[in-house]
Amino acid sequence: MWKLIASLLRPSVPVQDVAQRIAQGAMLLDVREPAELRGGGPPGAISLPLSRLRAGGHSAADDLKLPAGGEYLLICQSGVRSRLAQRILLRDRSRRYLNVGGGMQAWVKAGLPVRR
């Protein structure tokens, strides 16, 4: 039950809504590791590996010079690591972080573009 409540407190976005949110100014952050990115990813996504977040906490977002007040969509392979990243980043009150539900698996299944 607590896992359900916790997941409700950390908002998620379906992949079908990502393009609209980006058009409204959101930025996509890919939390997969560099080796995984060689297999492709969403066009325009900024790399912010989960390992970097674990090492540096939410200040890793500051290192990227991400504008405060923005909305950031977190994506990984399946949605699990982006949830972990979201949990770390929730301490950053200057930005809004949303998980992309289903990650790259849902992205590819929805037929969305993949940068190779």
C-alpha atoms as a PDB file:
ATOM      1  CA  MET A   1       0.000   0.000   0.000  1.00  0.00           C
ATOM      2  CA  TRP A   2       2.824   2.411   0.855  1.00  0.00           C
ATOM      3  CA  LYS A   3       4.415   1.784  -2.546  1.00  0.00           C
ATOM      4  CA  LEU A   4       1.169   2.780  -4.227  1.00  0.00           C
ATOM      5  CA  ILE A   5       0.917   5.965  -2.179  1.00  0.00           C
ATOM      6  CA  ALA A   6       4.568   6.800  -2.873  1.00  0.00           C
ATOM      7  CA  SER A   7       4.098   6.299  -6.610  1.00  0.00           C
ATOM      8  CA  LEU A   8       1.109   8.646  -6.594  1.00  0.00           C
ATOM      9  CA  LEU A   9       3.230  11.342  -4.973  1.00  0.00           C
ATOM     10  CA  ARG A  10       5.787  11.063  -7.783  1.00  0.00           C
ATOM     11  CA  PRO A  11       3.919  12.036 -10.929  1.00  0.00           C
ATOM     12  CA  SER A  12       4.286  10.140 -14.171  1.00  0.00           C
ATOM     13  CA  VAL A  13       3.624  11.062 -17.807  1.00  0.00           C
ATOM     14  CA  PRO A  14       2.579   8.604 -20.530  1.00  0.00           C
ATOM     15  CA  VAL A  15       4.909   8.536 -23.552  1.00  0.00           C
ATOM     16  CA  GLN A  16       2.064   9.764 -25.729  1.00  0.00           C
ATOM     17  CA  ASP A  17       2.128  13.104 -23.844  1.00  0.00           C
ATOM     18  CA  VAL A  18       5.880  13.714 -24.064  1.00  0.00           C
ATOM     19  CA  ALA A  19       5.898  15.557 -27.417  1.00  0.00           C
ATOM     20  CA  GLN A  20       3.173  17.950 -26.242  1.00  0.00           C
ATOM     21  CA  ARG A  21       5.027  18.676 -22.994  1.00  0.00           C
ATOM     22  CA  ILE A  22       8.277  19.287 -24.874  1.00  0.00           C
ATOM     23  CA  ALA A  23       6.425  21.679 -27.190  1.00  0.00           C
ATOM     24  CA  GLN A  24       5.297  23.492 -24.026  1.00  0.00           C
ATOM     25  CA  GLY A  25       8.895  23.819 -22.829  1.00  0.00           C
ATOM     26  CA  ALA A  26       9.645  20.595 -20.932  1.00  0.00           C
ATOM     27  CA  MET A  27      13.058  18.974 -21.373  1.00  0.00           C
ATOM     28  CA  LEU A  28      13.756  15.250 -21.599  1.00  0.00           C
ATOM     29  CA  LEU A  29      16.487  13.784 -19.362  1.00  0.00           C
ATOM     30  CA  ASP A  30      17.742  10.278 -20.153  1.00  0.00           C
ATOM     31  CA  VAL A  31      18.994   8.608 -16.953  1.00  0.00           C
ATOM     32  CA  ARG A  32      20.382   5.501 -18.669  1.00  0.00           C
ATOM     33  CA  GLU A  33      24.111   4.868 -18.554  1.00  0.00           C
ATOM     34  CA  PRO A  34      26.366   6.009 -21.451  1.00  0.00           C
ATOM     35  CA  ALA A  35      26.813   2.473 -22.851  1.00  0.00           C
ATOM     36  CA  GLU A  36      23.034   2.127 -23.169  1.00  0.00           C
ATOM     37  CA  LEU A  37      22.734   5.368 -25.111  1.00  0.00           C
ATOM     38  CA  ARG A  38      24.711   3.869 -27.988  1.00  0.00           C
ATOM     39  CA  GLY A  39      21.622   1.788 -28.766  1.00  0.00           C
ATOM     40  CA  GLY A  40      19.600   4.945 -29.409  1.00  0.00           C
ATOM     41  CA  GLY A  41      17.379   7.274 -27.494  1.00  0.00           C
ATOM     42  CA  PRO A  42      14.814  10.025 -27.772  1.00  0.00           C
ATOM     43  CA  PRO A  43      15.909  12.897 -30.035  1.00  0.00           C
ATOM     44  CA  GLY A  44      17.002  15.931 -28.028  1.00  0.00           C
ATOM     45  CA  ALA A  45      17.272  14.105 -24.704  1.00  0.00           C
ATOM     46  CA  ILE A  46      19.984  15.275 -22.301  1.00  0.00           C
ATOM     47  CA  SER A  47      22.059  12.548 -20.657  1.00  0.00           C
ATOM     48  CA  LEU A  48      21.992  12.511 -16.851  1.00  0.00           C
ATOM     49  CA  PRO A  49      22.986   8.957 -15.837  1.00  0.00           C
ATOM     50  CA  LEU A  50      21.487   7.572 -12.656  1.00  0.00           C
ATOM     51  CA  SER A  51      25.006   6.726 -11.453  1.00  0.00           C
ATOM     52  CA  ARG A  52      25.839  10.440 -11.612  1.00  0.00           C
ATOM     53  CA  LEU A  53      22.711  11.293  -9.635  1.00  0.00           C
ATOM     54  CA  ARG A  54      23.517   8.678  -7.026  1.00  0.00           C
ATOM     55  CA  ALA A  55      27.027  10.085  -6.661  1.00  0.00           C
ATOM     56  CA  GLY A  56      26.114  13.783  -6.670  1.00  0.00           C
ATOM     57  CA  GLY A  57      22.492  13.900  -5.582  1.00  0.00           C
ATOM     58  CA  HIS A  58      20.170  16.498  -7.023  1.00  0.00           C
ATOM     59  CA  SER A  59      23.092  18.913  -7.478  1.00  0.00           C
ATOM     60  CA  ALA A  60      23.962  16.871 -10.596  1.00  0.00           C
ATOM     61  CA  ALA A  61      21.077  18.712 -12.288  1.00  0.00           C
ATOM     62  CA  ASP A  62      22.707  22.016 -11.322  1.00  0.00           C
ATOM     63  CA  ASP A  63      25.920  20.849 -13.012  1.00  0.00           C
ATOM     64  CA  LEU A  64      23.966  20.625 -16.281  1.00  0.00           C
ATOM     65  CA  LYS A  65      22.839  24.249 -15.858  1.00  0.00           C
ATOM     66  CA  LEU A  66      19.186  23.243 -16.195  1.00  0.00           C
ATOM     67  CA  PRO A  67      16.966  26.307 -15.879  1.00  0.00           C
ATOM     68  CA  ALA A  68      15.109  26.605 -12.584  1.00  0.00           C
ATOM     69  CA  GLY A  69      11.331  26.519 -12.764  1.00  0.00           C
ATOM     70  CA  GLY A  70      11.340  24.104 -15.667  1.00  0.00           C
ATOM     71  CA  GLU A  71       9.628  20.782 -16.159  1.00  0.00           C
ATOM     72  CA  TYR A  72      11.913  17.799 -16.744  1.00  0.00           C
ATOM     73  CA  LEU A  73      10.806  14.414 -18.046  1.00  0.00           C
ATOM     74  CA  LEU A  74      12.924  11.485 -16.861  1.00  0.00           C
ATOM     75  CA  ILE A  75      13.298   8.416 -19.061  1.00  0.00           C
ATOM     76  CA  CYS A  76      15.213   5.128 -18.773  1.00  0.00           C
ATOM     77  CA  GLN A  77      14.719   1.708 -20.369  1.00  0.00           C
ATOM     78  CA  SER A  78      11.578   0.585 -18.528  1.00  0.00           C
ATOM     79  CA  GLY A  79      10.646   3.338 -16.074  1.00  0.00           C
ATOM     80  CA  VAL A  80      12.237   1.841 -12.957  1.00  0.00           C
ATOM     81  CA  ARG A  81      15.505   3.791 -12.886  1.00  0.00           C
ATOM     82  CA  SER A  82      13.775   7.013 -13.891  1.00  0.00           C
ATOM     83  CA  ARG A  83      11.577   6.565 -10.796  1.00  0.00           C
ATOM     84  CA  LEU A  84      14.737   6.178  -8.702  1.00  0.00           C
ATOM     85  CA  ALA A  85      16.188   9.299 -10.330  1.00  0.00           C
ATOM     86  CA  GLN A  86      12.942  11.150  -9.658  1.00  0.00           C
ATOM     87  CA  ARG A  87      13.175  10.188  -6.022  1.00  0.00           C
ATOM     88  CA  ILE A  88      16.670  11.708  -5.797  1.00  0.00           C
ATOM     89  CA  LEU A  89      15.668  14.822  -7.721  1.00  0.00           C
ATOM     90  CA  LEU A  90      12.551  15.527  -5.662  1.00  0.00           C
ATOM     91  CA  ARG A  91      14.853  17.220  -3.156  1.00  0.00           C
ATOM     92  CA  ASP A  92      15.402  19.871  -5.841  1.00  0.00           C
ATOM     93  CA  ARG A  93      12.468  22.208  -5.244  1.00  0.00           C
ATOM     94  CA  SER A  94      13.461  24.577  -8.063  1.00  0.00           C
ATOM     95  CA  ARG A  95      12.412  22.201 -10.856  1.00  0.00           C
ATOM     96  CA  ARG A  96       9.586  19.759 -11.556  1.00  0.00           C
ATOM     97  CA  TYR A  97      10.573  16.194 -12.424  1.00  0.00           C
ATOM     98  CA  LEU A  98       8.148  13.715 -14.004  1.00  0.00           C
ATOM     99  CA  ASN A  99       8.727  10.066 -14.819  1.00  0.00           C
ATOM    100  CA  VAL A 100       8.026   8.888 -18.372  1.00  0.00           C
ATOM    101  CA  GLY A 101       5.909   5.801 -17.742  1.00  0.00           C
ATOM    102  CA  GLY A 102       7.251   2.647 -19.362  1.00  0.00           C
ATOM    103  CA  GLY A 103      10.513   4.294 -20.441  1.00  0.00           C
ATOM    104  CA  MET A 104      12.123   3.525 -23.786  1.00  0.00           C
ATOM    105  CA  GLN A 105      10.213   0.266 -24.053  1.00  0.00           C
ATOM    106  CA  ALA A 106       6.931   2.208 -24.154  1.00  0.00           C
ATOM    107  CA  TRP A 107       8.544   4.878 -26.360  1.00  0.00           C
ATOM    108  CA  VAL A 108       9.541   2.357 -29.046  1.00  0.00           C
ATOM    109  CA  LYS A 109       6.239   0.485 -28.771  1.00  0.00           C
ATOM    110  CA  ALA A 110       4.378   3.778 -29.359  1.00  0.00           C
ATOM    111  CA  GLY A 111       6.387   4.283 -32.560  1.00  0.00           C
ATOM    112  CA  LEU A 112       8.064   7.481 -31.351  1.00  0.00           C
ATOM    113  CA  PRO A 113      11.319   8.564 -33.043  1.00  0.00           C
ATOM    114  CA  VAL A 114      14.620   7.122 -31.859  1.00  0.00           C
ATOM    115  CA  ARG A 115      17.934   8.867 -32.478  1.00  0.00           C
ATOM    116  CA  ARG A 116      20.624   6.345 -33.426  1.00  0.00           C
END
